[in-house]
Amino acid sequence: MKTIETGIRIEIKNILFATDFSPAGDSALPYATEFAKRFGARLYALHVRPPSINPMTQPTTWPVLEENAKVEADAEKQTLLKSFPGIQPQVLVEEGDFWDILKSTIEKHKIDLIVLGTRGRSGAGKFFMGSTAEKVFRNVPCAVLTVGPFTHAELPQGGEVSEILYATDFGPGSAAGASYAISLAQEFQARLTLLHVITEPKTGDLVHPSEIAASSEHLLRKLVTPEAELWCEPRFMVEQGPAAETILEVAKNRRADLIVLGLHRSKGFSGVATHLPMATAHKVVAHAVFPVLTVRG
């Protein structure tokens, strides 16, 4: 487990707000605005439109379709320009494949953070996020701030983040996630809690639970340098239970304004099978009442 190096601080210079103009997308607007102001970052607002012309349309209708698409795109640009109080974003309304455009936008504008909202739908006793949001935070190389369907519509008073919860399973994304959590805690002068959740012990496990907890707390402490503790008094917690449910319960009890999660790297840019069982990050984002920042390892 690597300790965060002295002096390393996350910089957020370019933020991308991605929207489909749905109410869920609009819910992320105040968070994109606040983070851009807080970090003095350049803000890009992206909307990807489906192609106005497809192989099924008659060639005689193409001029009309193209003209209508241009009118609609201009209206969407004006809407986005007026959506961020006190900030003049660079608006990008593109037509084509969402994933190709997202990838090229991240690379071209050196995006450090994506902010997006997601809707949810219920069924079969479970809760699912929109597949697009999940693919984004699982596959893009930068950090993603996801505003889920239960997230409070308004930021804390004054836009301040006063309590941050960083949850880790000590996987490949843990050091990167800790860097973000510590940097954000410093930027907002927020309280920071570092959490590890121990799942139910396996049958025949010879290690006593108290030893596992002590070892886990030791690993949590190694994620924070002594220098960081000069301005921050982190709290270290080791809990036992289902990972996502426990993270959400601790966040509720700590009155967290933000959850930070380090994600394991997946292969490919958009190769997530959305029908696989929901991962911990998926469950946390889908049910949290506060935004969740996910960081790839």
C-alpha atoms as a PDB file:
ATOM      1  CA  MET A   1       0.000   0.000   0.000  1.00  0.00           C
ATOM      2  CA  LYS A   2       1.533   3.296  -1.104  1.00  0.00           C
ATOM      3  CA  THR A   3       1.414   6.327   1.154  1.00  0.00           C
ATOM      4  CA  ILE A   4       0.350   9.567  -0.529  1.00  0.00           C
ATOM      5  CA  GLU A   5       3.497  11.543  -1.267  1.00  0.00           C
ATOM      6  CA  THR A   6       4.163  14.841   0.473  1.00  0.00           C
ATOM      7  CA  GLY A   7       3.171  17.849  -1.625  1.00  0.00           C
ATOM      8  CA  ILE A   8       1.041  15.917  -4.108  1.00  0.00           C
ATOM      9  CA  ARG A   9      -2.202  17.771  -4.626  1.00  0.00           C
ATOM     10  CA  ILE A  10      -4.870  17.124  -7.189  1.00  0.00           C
ATOM     11  CA  GLU A  11      -5.399  19.906  -9.715  1.00  0.00           C
ATOM     12  CA  ILE A  12      -8.721  20.306 -11.502  1.00  0.00           C
ATOM     13  CA  LYS A  13      -8.175  22.606 -14.482  1.00  0.00           C
ATOM     14  CA  ASN A  14     -10.791  21.413 -16.963  1.00  0.00           C
ATOM     15  CA  ILE A  15     -14.285  20.229 -16.057  1.00  0.00           C
ATOM     16  CA  LEU A  16     -16.752  18.644 -18.452  1.00  0.00           C
ATOM     17  CA  PHE A  17     -20.475  18.836 -17.730  1.00  0.00           C
ATOM     18  CA  ALA A  18     -22.302  16.245 -19.839  1.00  0.00           C
ATOM     19  CA  THR A  19     -26.066  16.528 -20.244  1.00  0.00           C
ATOM     20  CA  ASP A  20     -28.993  15.140 -22.190  1.00  0.00           C
ATOM     21  CA  PHE A  21     -31.238  18.035 -21.038  1.00  0.00           C
ATOM     22  CA  SER A  22     -33.264  15.710 -18.824  1.00  0.00           C
ATOM     23  CA  PRO A  23     -34.220  16.708 -15.254  1.00  0.00           C
ATOM     24  CA  ALA A  24     -31.597  14.212 -14.057  1.00  0.00           C
ATOM     25  CA  GLY A  25     -28.933  15.965 -16.096  1.00  0.00           C
ATOM     26  CA  ASP A  26     -30.016  19.370 -14.814  1.00  0.00           C
ATOM     27  CA  SER A  27     -29.593  18.172 -11.209  1.00  0.00           C
ATOM     28  CA  ALA A  28     -25.826  18.178 -11.690  1.00  0.00           C
ATOM     29  CA  LEU A  29     -25.693  21.820 -12.854  1.00  0.00           C
ATOM     30  CA  PRO A  30     -25.050  23.429  -9.441  1.00  0.00           C
ATOM     31  CA  TYR A  31     -22.265  20.937  -8.688  1.00  0.00           C
ATOM     32  CA  ALA A  32     -20.492  21.616 -11.981  1.00  0.00           C
ATOM     33  CA  THR A  33     -20.816  25.353 -11.321  1.00  0.00           C
ATOM     34  CA  GLU A  34     -19.479  25.174  -7.772  1.00  0.00           C
ATOM     35  CA  PHE A  35     -16.501  22.959  -8.596  1.00  0.00           C
ATOM     36  CA  ALA A  36     -15.552  25.168 -11.554  1.00  0.00           C
ATOM     37  CA  LYS A  37     -15.663  28.264  -9.339  1.00  0.00           C
ATOM     38  CA  ARG A  38     -13.887  26.576  -6.439  1.00  0.00           C
ATOM     39  CA  PHE A  39     -10.944  25.367  -8.538  1.00  0.00           C
ATOM     40  CA  GLY A  40     -10.896  28.209 -11.058  1.00  0.00           C
ATOM     41  CA  ALA A  41     -11.358  25.573 -13.754  1.00  0.00           C
ATOM     42  CA  ARG A  42     -12.441  25.986 -17.352  1.00  0.00           C
ATOM     43  CA  LEU A  43     -15.925  24.530 -17.777  1.00  0.00           C
ATOM     44  CA  TYR A  44     -17.064  22.693 -20.885  1.00  0.00           C
ATOM     45  CA  ALA A  45     -20.727  21.829 -21.389  1.00  0.00           C
ATOM     46  CA  LEU A  46     -21.347  18.919 -23.742  1.00  0.00           C
ATOM     47  CA  HIS A  47     -24.546  17.649 -25.341  1.00  0.00           C
ATOM     48  CA  VAL A  48     -24.414  14.895 -27.954  1.00  0.00           C
ATOM     49  CA  ARG A  49     -27.292  14.758 -30.421  1.00  0.00           C
ATOM     50  CA  PRO A  50     -28.247  11.658 -32.416  1.00  0.00           C
ATOM     51  CA  PRO A  51     -27.521  11.949 -36.149  1.00  0.00           C
ATOM     52  CA  SER A  52     -30.204  13.950 -37.931  1.00  0.00           C
ATOM     53  CA  ILE A  53     -29.836  11.790 -41.026  1.00  0.00           C
ATOM     54  CA  ASN A  54     -29.783   7.996 -41.068  1.00  0.00           C
ATOM     55  CA  PRO A  55     -29.938   5.356 -43.831  1.00  0.00           C
ATOM     56  CA  MET A  56     -33.720   5.080 -43.452  1.00  0.00           C
ATOM     57  CA  THR A  57     -34.452   8.715 -44.305  1.00  0.00           C
ATOM     58  CA  GLN A  58     -35.283   9.774 -47.844  1.00  0.00           C
ATOM     59  CA  PRO A  59     -32.578  11.929 -49.482  1.00  0.00           C
ATOM     60  CA  THR A  60     -35.204  14.493 -50.464  1.00  0.00           C
ATOM     61  CA  THR A  61     -35.820  15.232 -46.762  1.00  0.00           C
ATOM     62  CA  TRP A  62     -32.151  15.754 -45.851  1.00  0.00           C
ATOM     63  CA  PRO A  63     -32.035  19.548 -46.321  1.00  0.00           C
ATOM     64  CA  VAL A  64     -35.056  20.048 -44.068  1.00  0.00           C
ATOM     65  CA  LEU A  65     -33.714  17.665 -41.429  1.00  0.00           C
ATOM     66  CA  GLU A  66     -30.320  19.349 -41.441  1.00  0.00           C
ATOM     67  CA  GLU A  67     -31.874  22.801 -41.110  1.00  0.00           C
ATOM     68  CA  ASN A  68     -34.108  21.669 -38.230  1.00  0.00           C
ATOM     69  CA  ALA A  69     -31.138  20.066 -36.506  1.00  0.00           C
ATOM     70  CA  LYS A  70     -29.154  23.299 -36.797  1.00  0.00           C
ATOM     71  CA  VAL A  71     -31.988  25.344 -35.298  1.00  0.00           C
ATOM     72  CA  GLU A  72     -32.352  22.904 -32.401  1.00  0.00           C
ATOM     73  CA  ALA A  73     -28.588  22.792 -31.789  1.00  0.00           C
ATOM     74  CA  ASP A  74     -28.403  26.606 -31.682  1.00  0.00           C
ATOM     75  CA  ALA A  75     -31.245  26.684 -29.147  1.00  0.00           C
ATOM     76  CA  GLU A  76     -29.476  24.064 -26.999  1.00  0.00           C
ATOM     77  CA  LYS A  77     -26.249  26.074 -27.092  1.00  0.00           C
ATOM     78  CA  GLN A  78     -28.061  29.169 -25.847  1.00  0.00           C
ATOM     79  CA  THR A  79     -29.687  27.161 -23.056  1.00  0.00           C
ATOM     80  CA  LEU A  80     -26.321  25.858 -21.874  1.00  0.00           C
ATOM     81  CA  LEU A  81     -24.704  29.288 -22.052  1.00  0.00           C
ATOM     82  CA  LYS A  82     -27.315  30.611 -19.616  1.00  0.00           C
ATOM     83  CA  SER A  83     -27.257  27.626 -17.253  1.00  0.00           C
ATOM     84  CA  PHE A  84     -24.178  28.421 -15.151  1.00  0.00           C
ATOM     85  CA  PRO A  85     -24.485  31.538 -12.949  1.00  0.00           C
ATOM     86  CA  GLY A  86     -21.305  33.572 -12.962  1.00  0.00           C
ATOM     87  CA  ILE A  87     -19.498  31.280 -15.407  1.00  0.00           C
ATOM     88  CA  GLN A  88     -19.119  31.413 -19.169  1.00  0.00           C
ATOM     89  CA  PRO A  89     -18.760  27.784 -20.285  1.00  0.00           C
ATOM     90  CA  GLN A  90     -17.436  26.603 -23.606  1.00  0.00           C
ATOM     91  CA  VAL A  91     -20.489  24.902 -25.105  1.00  0.00           C
ATOM     92  CA  LEU A  92     -20.103  21.809 -27.258  1.00  0.00           C
ATOM     93  CA  VAL A  93     -23.200  20.521 -29.049  1.00  0.00           C
ATOM     94  CA  GLU A  94     -22.102  17.631 -31.222  1.00  0.00           C
ATOM     95  CA  GLU A  95     -23.863  15.140 -33.461  1.00  0.00           C
ATOM     96  CA  GLY A  96     -22.847  11.481 -33.647  1.00  0.00           C
ATOM     97  CA  ASP A  97     -21.858   8.594 -31.402  1.00  0.00           C
ATOM     98  CA  PHE A  98     -21.785   9.578 -27.729  1.00  0.00           C
ATOM     99  CA  TRP A  99     -18.776   7.450 -26.791  1.00  0.00           C
ATOM    100  CA  ASP A 100     -16.596   8.556 -29.684  1.00  0.00           C
ATOM    101  CA  ILE A 101     -17.364  12.212 -28.986  1.00  0.00           C
ATOM    102  CA  LEU A 102     -16.874  11.849 -25.225  1.00  0.00           C
ATOM    103  CA  LYS A 103     -13.497  10.177 -25.663  1.00  0.00           C
ATOM    104  CA  SER A 104     -12.253  12.766 -28.147  1.00  0.00           C
ATOM    105  CA  THR A 105     -13.519  15.628 -25.936  1.00  0.00           C
ATOM    106  CA  ILE A 106     -11.668  14.272 -22.894  1.00  0.00           C
ATOM    107  CA  GLU A 107      -8.460  13.961 -24.873  1.00  0.00           C
ATOM    108  CA  LYS A 108      -8.721  17.259 -26.769  1.00  0.00           C
ATOM    109  CA  HIS A 109      -9.567  19.425 -23.760  1.00  0.00           C
ATOM    110  CA  LYS A 110      -7.516  17.476 -21.188  1.00  0.00           C
ATOM    111  CA  ILE A 111     -10.545  16.943 -18.951  1.00  0.00           C
ATOM    112  CA  ASP A 112      -9.752  16.319 -15.274  1.00  0.00           C
ATOM    113  CA  LEU A 113     -13.302  15.898 -13.989  1.00  0.00           C
ATOM    114  CA  ILE A 114     -16.645  14.965 -15.543  1.00  0.00           C
ATOM    115  CA  VAL A 115     -19.869  16.022 -13.825  1.00  0.00           C
ATOM    116  CA  LEU A 116     -23.129  14.369 -14.801  1.00  0.00           C
ATOM    117  CA  GLY A 117     -26.513  13.477 -13.391  1.00  0.00           C
ATOM    118  CA  THR A 118     -28.270  10.157 -13.761  1.00  0.00           C
ATOM    119  CA  ARG A 119     -31.843   8.998 -13.506  1.00  0.00           C
ATOM    120  CA  GLY A 120     -32.965   5.737 -11.952  1.00  0.00           C
ATOM    121  CA  ARG A 121     -35.745   3.289 -12.389  1.00  0.00           C
ATOM    122  CA  SER A 122     -37.063   0.657 -10.026  1.00  0.00           C
ATOM    123  CA  GLY A 123     -38.093  -2.877 -10.745  1.00  0.00           C
ATOM    124  CA  ALA A 124     -37.864  -6.425  -9.391  1.00  0.00           C
ATOM    125  CA  GLY A 125     -37.009  -5.078  -5.963  1.00  0.00           C
ATOM    126  CA  LYS A 126     -33.767  -3.505  -7.196  1.00  0.00           C
ATOM    127  CA  PHE A 127     -32.659  -0.083  -8.308  1.00  0.00           C
ATOM    128  CA  PHE A 128     -30.740   0.571 -11.521  1.00  0.00           C
ATOM    129  CA  MET A 129     -28.933   3.629 -12.780  1.00  0.00           C
ATOM    130  CA  GLY A 130     -28.973   4.738 -16.348  1.00  0.00           C
ATOM    131  CA  SER A 131     -26.432   2.591 -18.178  1.00  0.00           C
ATOM    132  CA  THR A 132     -24.707   5.601 -19.755  1.00  0.00           C
ATOM    133  CA  ALA A 133     -23.696   7.090 -16.397  1.00  0.00           C
ATOM    134  CA  GLU A 134     -22.346   3.774 -15.181  1.00  0.00           C
ATOM    135  CA  LYS A 135     -20.290   3.265 -18.327  1.00  0.00           C
ATOM    136  CA  VAL A 136     -18.878   6.765 -17.961  1.00  0.00           C
ATOM    137  CA  PHE A 137     -17.592   6.427 -14.414  1.00  0.00           C
ATOM    138  CA  ARG A 138     -16.333   2.898 -15.004  1.00  0.00           C
ATOM    139  CA  ASN A 139     -14.392   3.597 -18.178  1.00  0.00           C
ATOM    140  CA  VAL A 140     -13.211   7.178 -18.584  1.00  0.00           C
ATOM    141  CA  PRO A 141      -9.635   7.887 -17.473  1.00  0.00           C
ATOM    142  CA  CYS A 142     -10.530  10.956 -15.389  1.00  0.00           C
ATOM    143  CA  ALA A 143     -12.502  11.419 -12.179  1.00  0.00           C
ATOM    144  CA  VAL A 144     -16.312  11.536 -12.396  1.00  0.00           C
ATOM    145  CA  LEU A 145     -18.723  13.337 -10.086  1.00  0.00           C
ATOM    146  CA  THR A 146     -22.083  11.592 -10.417  1.00  0.00           C
ATOM    147  CA  VAL A 147     -25.252  13.187  -9.076  1.00  0.00           C
ATOM    148  CA  GLY A 148     -27.626  10.289  -8.543  1.00  0.00           C
ATOM    149  CA  PRO A 149     -31.432  10.231  -8.568  1.00  0.00           C
ATOM    150  CA  PHE A 150     -31.704  10.694  -4.782  1.00  0.00           C
ATOM    151  CA  THR A 151     -29.057  13.400  -4.449  1.00  0.00           C
ATOM    152  CA  HIS A 152     -30.204  16.653  -2.863  1.00  0.00           C
ATOM    153  CA  ALA A 153     -31.119  19.161  -5.571  1.00  0.00           C
ATOM    154  CA  GLU A 154     -29.255  21.962  -3.795  1.00  0.00           C
ATOM    155  CA  LEU A 155     -25.695  22.162  -2.548  1.00  0.00           C
ATOM    156  CA  PRO A 156     -24.968  22.673   1.151  1.00  0.00           C
ATOM    157  CA  GLN A 157     -25.412  26.280   2.213  1.00  0.00           C
ATOM    158  CA  GLY A 158     -22.787  28.434   0.565  1.00  0.00           C
ATOM    159  CA  GLY A 159     -21.699  25.571  -1.682  1.00  0.00           C
ATOM    160  CA  GLU A 160     -19.379  24.293   1.026  1.00  0.00           C
ATOM    161  CA  VAL A 161     -18.374  20.662   1.403  1.00  0.00           C
ATOM    162  CA  SER A 162     -17.781  20.202   5.125  1.00  0.00           C
ATOM    163  CA  GLU A 163     -17.712  16.395   5.453  1.00  0.00           C
ATOM    164  CA  ILE A 164     -16.060  13.948   3.024  1.00  0.00           C
ATOM    165  CA  LEU A 165     -16.205  10.169   3.234  1.00  0.00           C
ATOM    166  CA  TYR A 166     -13.588   8.151   1.386  1.00  0.00           C
ATOM    167  CA  ALA A 167     -14.355   4.425   1.169  1.00  0.00           C
ATOM    168  CA  THR A 168     -11.802   1.903  -0.064  1.00  0.00           C
ATOM    169  CA  ASP A 169     -11.336  -1.841  -0.441  1.00  0.00           C
ATOM    170  CA  PHE A 170      -7.553  -1.334  -0.790  1.00  0.00           C
ATOM    171  CA  GLY A 171      -7.717  -2.279  -4.459  1.00  0.00           C
ATOM    172  CA  PRO A 172      -5.732  -0.693  -7.339  1.00  0.00           C
ATOM    173  CA  GLY A 173      -7.793   2.511  -7.188  1.00  0.00           C
ATOM    174  CA  SER A 174      -7.227   3.190  -3.495  1.00  0.00           C
ATOM    175  CA  ALA A 175      -4.188   5.483  -3.731  1.00  0.00           C
ATOM    176  CA  ALA A 176      -5.741   7.593  -6.506  1.00  0.00           C
ATOM    177  CA  GLY A 177      -9.022   7.872  -4.613  1.00  0.00           C
ATOM    178  CA  ALA A 178      -7.249   8.841  -1.417  1.00  0.00           C
ATOM    179  CA  SER A 179      -5.333  11.574  -3.267  1.00  0.00           C
ATOM    180  CA  TYR A 180      -8.603  13.126  -4.419  1.00  0.00           C
ATOM    181  CA  ALA A 181     -10.268  12.805  -1.019  1.00  0.00           C
ATOM    182  CA  ILE A 182      -7.337  14.417   0.791  1.00  0.00           C
ATOM    183  CA  SER A 183      -6.984  17.210  -1.786  1.00  0.00           C
ATOM    184  CA  LEU A 184     -10.695  17.992  -1.673  1.00  0.00           C
ATOM    185  CA  ALA A 185     -10.662  17.988   2.114  1.00  0.00           C
ATOM    186  CA  GLN A 186      -7.840  20.507   2.015  1.00  0.00           C
ATOM    187  CA  GLU A 187      -9.517  22.658  -0.652  1.00  0.00           C
ATOM    188  CA  PHE A 188     -12.823  22.810   1.228  1.00  0.00           C
ATOM    189  CA  GLN A 189     -11.247  22.640   4.709  1.00  0.00           C
ATOM    190  CA  ALA A 190     -13.564  19.698   5.275  1.00  0.00           C
ATOM    191  CA  ARG A 191     -13.536  16.887   7.785  1.00  0.00           C
ATOM    192  CA  LEU A 192     -12.351  13.597   6.295  1.00  0.00           C
ATOM    193  CA  THR A 193     -13.338  10.048   7.196  1.00  0.00           C
ATOM    194  CA  LEU A 194     -11.537   7.071   5.677  1.00  0.00           C
ATOM    195  CA  LEU A 195     -13.585   3.866   5.703  1.00  0.00           C
ATOM    196  CA  HIS A 196     -12.937   0.212   4.966  1.00  0.00           C
ATOM    197  CA  VAL A 197     -15.777  -2.283   5.060  1.00  0.00           C
ATOM    198  CA  ILE A 198     -15.043  -5.901   5.959  1.00  0.00           C
ATOM    199  CA  THR A 199     -17.464  -8.320   4.389  1.00  0.00           C
ATOM    200  CA  GLU A 200     -18.757 -11.294   6.351  1.00  0.00           C
ATOM    201  CA  PRO A 201     -15.870 -13.644   7.314  1.00  0.00           C
ATOM    202  CA  LYS A 202     -15.576 -16.821   5.296  1.00  0.00           C
ATOM    203  CA  THR A 203     -16.297 -20.171   6.895  1.00  0.00           C
ATOM    204  CA  GLY A 204     -13.078 -21.631   8.252  1.00  0.00           C
ATOM    205  CA  ASP A 205     -11.264 -18.295   8.352  1.00  0.00           C
ATOM    206  CA  LEU A 206      -8.641 -18.615  11.099  1.00  0.00           C
ATOM    207  CA  VAL A 207      -7.940 -14.886  11.414  1.00  0.00           C
ATOM    208  CA  HIS A 208      -9.826 -13.266  14.268  1.00  0.00           C
ATOM    209  CA  PRO A 209     -12.085 -10.351  13.230  1.00  0.00           C
ATOM    210  CA  SER A 210     -10.272  -8.016  15.627  1.00  0.00           C
ATOM    211  CA  GLU A 211      -6.978  -8.752  13.875  1.00  0.00           C
ATOM    212  CA  ILE A 212      -8.538  -8.047  10.480  1.00  0.00           C
ATOM    213  CA  ALA A 213      -9.954  -4.757  11.755  1.00  0.00           C
ATOM    214  CA  ALA A 214      -6.611  -3.700  13.241  1.00  0.00           C
ATOM    215  CA  SER A 215      -4.783  -4.536  10.011  1.00  0.00           C
ATOM    216  CA  SER A 216      -7.369  -2.616   7.964  1.00  0.00           C
ATOM    217  CA  GLU A 217      -7.089   0.477  10.141  1.00  0.00           C
ATOM    218  CA  HIS A 218      -3.317   0.333   9.780  1.00  0.00           C
ATOM    219  CA  LEU A 219      -3.688   0.337   5.971  1.00  0.00           C
ATOM    220  CA  LEU A 220      -6.110   3.261   6.152  1.00  0.00           C
ATOM    221  CA  ARG A 221      -3.641   5.283   8.201  1.00  0.00           C
ATOM    222  CA  LYS A 222      -0.884   4.591   5.657  1.00  0.00           C
ATOM    223  CA  LEU A 223      -2.958   6.405   3.029  1.00  0.00           C
ATOM    224  CA  VAL A 224      -2.528   9.727   4.865  1.00  0.00           C
ATOM    225  CA  THR A 225       0.827  11.430   5.321  1.00  0.00           C
ATOM    226  CA  PRO A 226       1.808  13.035   8.641  1.00  0.00           C
ATOM    227  CA  GLU A 227       1.963  16.355   6.753  1.00  0.00           C
ATOM    228  CA  ALA A 228      -1.685  16.060   5.761  1.00  0.00           C
ATOM    229  CA  GLU A 229      -2.622  15.433   9.368  1.00  0.00           C
ATOM    230  CA  LEU A 230      -1.182  18.835  10.302  1.00  0.00           C
ATOM    231  CA  TRP A 231      -4.210  20.570   8.754  1.00  0.00           C
ATOM    232  CA  CYS A 232      -6.660  17.681   8.764  1.00  0.00           C
ATOM    233  CA  GLU A 233      -7.749  15.377  11.562  1.00  0.00           C
ATOM    234  CA  PRO A 234      -8.890  12.318   9.617  1.00  0.00           C
ATOM    235  CA  ARG A 235     -11.151   9.756  11.187  1.00  0.00           C
ATOM    236  CA  PHE A 236     -10.407   6.097  10.442  1.00  0.00           C
ATOM    237  CA  MET A 237     -13.268   3.621  10.508  1.00  0.00           C
ATOM    238  CA  VAL A 238     -13.442  -0.125   9.903  1.00  0.00           C
ATOM    239  CA  GLU A 239     -16.933  -1.588   9.715  1.00  0.00           C
ATOM    240  CA  GLN A 240     -18.341  -5.017   8.901  1.00  0.00           C
ATOM    241  CA  GLY A 241     -21.293  -5.763   6.640  1.00  0.00           C
ATOM    242  CA  PRO A 242     -22.463  -5.437   3.025  1.00  0.00           C
ATOM    243  CA  ALA A 243     -20.112  -2.947   1.374  1.00  0.00           C
ATOM    244  CA  ALA A 244     -22.504  -0.533  -0.367  1.00  0.00           C
ATOM    245  CA  GLU A 245     -25.116  -0.507   2.371  1.00  0.00           C
ATOM    246  CA  THR A 246     -22.466   0.087   5.047  1.00  0.00           C
ATOM    247  CA  ILE A 247     -20.852   2.927   3.083  1.00  0.00           C
ATOM    248  CA  LEU A 248     -24.224   4.636   2.705  1.00  0.00           C
ATOM    249  CA  GLU A 249     -25.051   4.154   6.394  1.00  0.00           C
ATOM    250  CA  VAL A 250     -21.723   5.612   7.533  1.00  0.00           C
ATOM    251  CA  ALA A 251     -22.151   8.535   5.112  1.00  0.00           C
ATOM    252  CA  LYS A 252     -25.595   9.191   6.559  1.00  0.00           C
ATOM    253  CA  ASN A 253     -24.351   9.038  10.151  1.00  0.00           C
ATOM    254  CA  ARG A 254     -21.382  11.282   9.358  1.00  0.00           C
ATOM    255  CA  ARG A 255     -23.675  13.698   7.456  1.00  0.00           C
ATOM    256  CA  ALA A 256     -21.322  13.525   4.502  1.00  0.00           C
ATOM    257  CA  ASP A 257     -21.602  16.043   1.674  1.00  0.00           C
ATOM    258  CA  LEU A 258     -19.494  13.930  -0.678  1.00  0.00           C
ATOM    259  CA  ILE A 259     -18.453  10.290  -1.062  1.00  0.00           C
ATOM    260  CA  VAL A 260     -15.182   9.429  -2.800  1.00  0.00           C
ATOM    261  CA  LEU A 261     -14.565   5.943  -4.208  1.00  0.00           C
ATOM    262  CA  GLY A 262     -11.503   4.495  -5.936  1.00  0.00           C
ATOM    263  CA  LEU A 263     -12.442   2.191  -8.810  1.00  0.00           C
ATOM    264  CA  HIS A 264     -10.612  -0.776 -10.220  1.00  0.00           C
ATOM    265  CA  ARG A 265      -9.459  -0.381 -13.804  1.00  0.00           C
ATOM    266  CA  SER A 266     -11.590  -2.126 -16.409  1.00  0.00           C
ATOM    267  CA  LYS A 267     -10.581  -3.096 -19.935  1.00  0.00           C
ATOM    268  CA  GLY A 268     -11.681  -1.035 -22.908  1.00  0.00           C
ATOM    269  CA  PHE A 269     -13.351   2.365 -23.092  1.00  0.00           C
ATOM    270  CA  SER A 270     -16.976   1.324 -23.116  1.00  0.00           C
ATOM    271  CA  GLY A 271     -16.858  -2.433 -22.647  1.00  0.00           C
ATOM    272  CA  VAL A 272     -18.948  -2.750 -19.508  1.00  0.00           C
ATOM    273  CA  ALA A 273     -21.621  -5.431 -19.496  1.00  0.00           C
ATOM    274  CA  THR A 274     -24.537  -3.613 -17.929  1.00  0.00           C
ATOM    275  CA  HIS A 275     -26.346  -6.858 -17.146  1.00  0.00           C
ATOM    276  CA  LEU A 276     -23.721  -8.124 -14.722  1.00  0.00           C
ATOM    277  CA  PRO A 277     -24.536  -7.937 -10.984  1.00  0.00           C
ATOM    278  CA  MET A 278     -24.271  -4.383  -9.667  1.00  0.00           C
ATOM    279  CA  ALA A 279     -20.883  -3.446  -8.254  1.00  0.00           C
ATOM    280  CA  THR A 280     -20.454  -1.595  -4.991  1.00  0.00           C
ATOM    281  CA  ALA A 281     -19.862   1.745  -6.726  1.00  0.00           C
ATOM    282  CA  HIS A 282     -23.014   1.270  -8.783  1.00  0.00           C
ATOM    283  CA  LYS A 283     -25.119   0.676  -5.675  1.00  0.00           C
ATOM    284  CA  VAL A 284     -23.603   3.621  -3.815  1.00  0.00           C
ATOM    285  CA  VAL A 285     -24.177   6.073  -6.675  1.00  0.00           C
ATOM    286  CA  ALA A 286     -27.702   4.765  -7.294  1.00  0.00           C
ATOM    287  CA  HIS A 287     -28.837   5.256  -3.691  1.00  0.00           C
ATOM    288  CA  ALA A 288     -26.716   8.101  -2.285  1.00  0.00           C
ATOM    289  CA  VAL A 289     -28.381  11.371  -1.293  1.00  0.00           C
ATOM    290  CA  PHE A 290     -25.100  13.209  -1.970  1.00  0.00           C
ATOM    291  CA  PRO A 291     -22.833  13.238  -5.038  1.00  0.00           C
ATOM    292  CA  VAL A 292     -20.273  10.474  -5.462  1.00  0.00           C
ATOM    293  CA  LEU A 293     -16.799  11.114  -6.876  1.00  0.00           C
ATOM    294  CA  THR A 294     -15.309   8.047  -8.516  1.00  0.00           C
ATOM    295  CA  VAL A 295     -11.610   7.837  -9.405  1.00  0.00           C
ATOM    296  CA  ARG A 296     -10.031   5.211 -11.604  1.00  0.00           C
ATOM    297  CA  GLY A 297      -6.846   3.557 -10.367  1.00  0.00           C
END
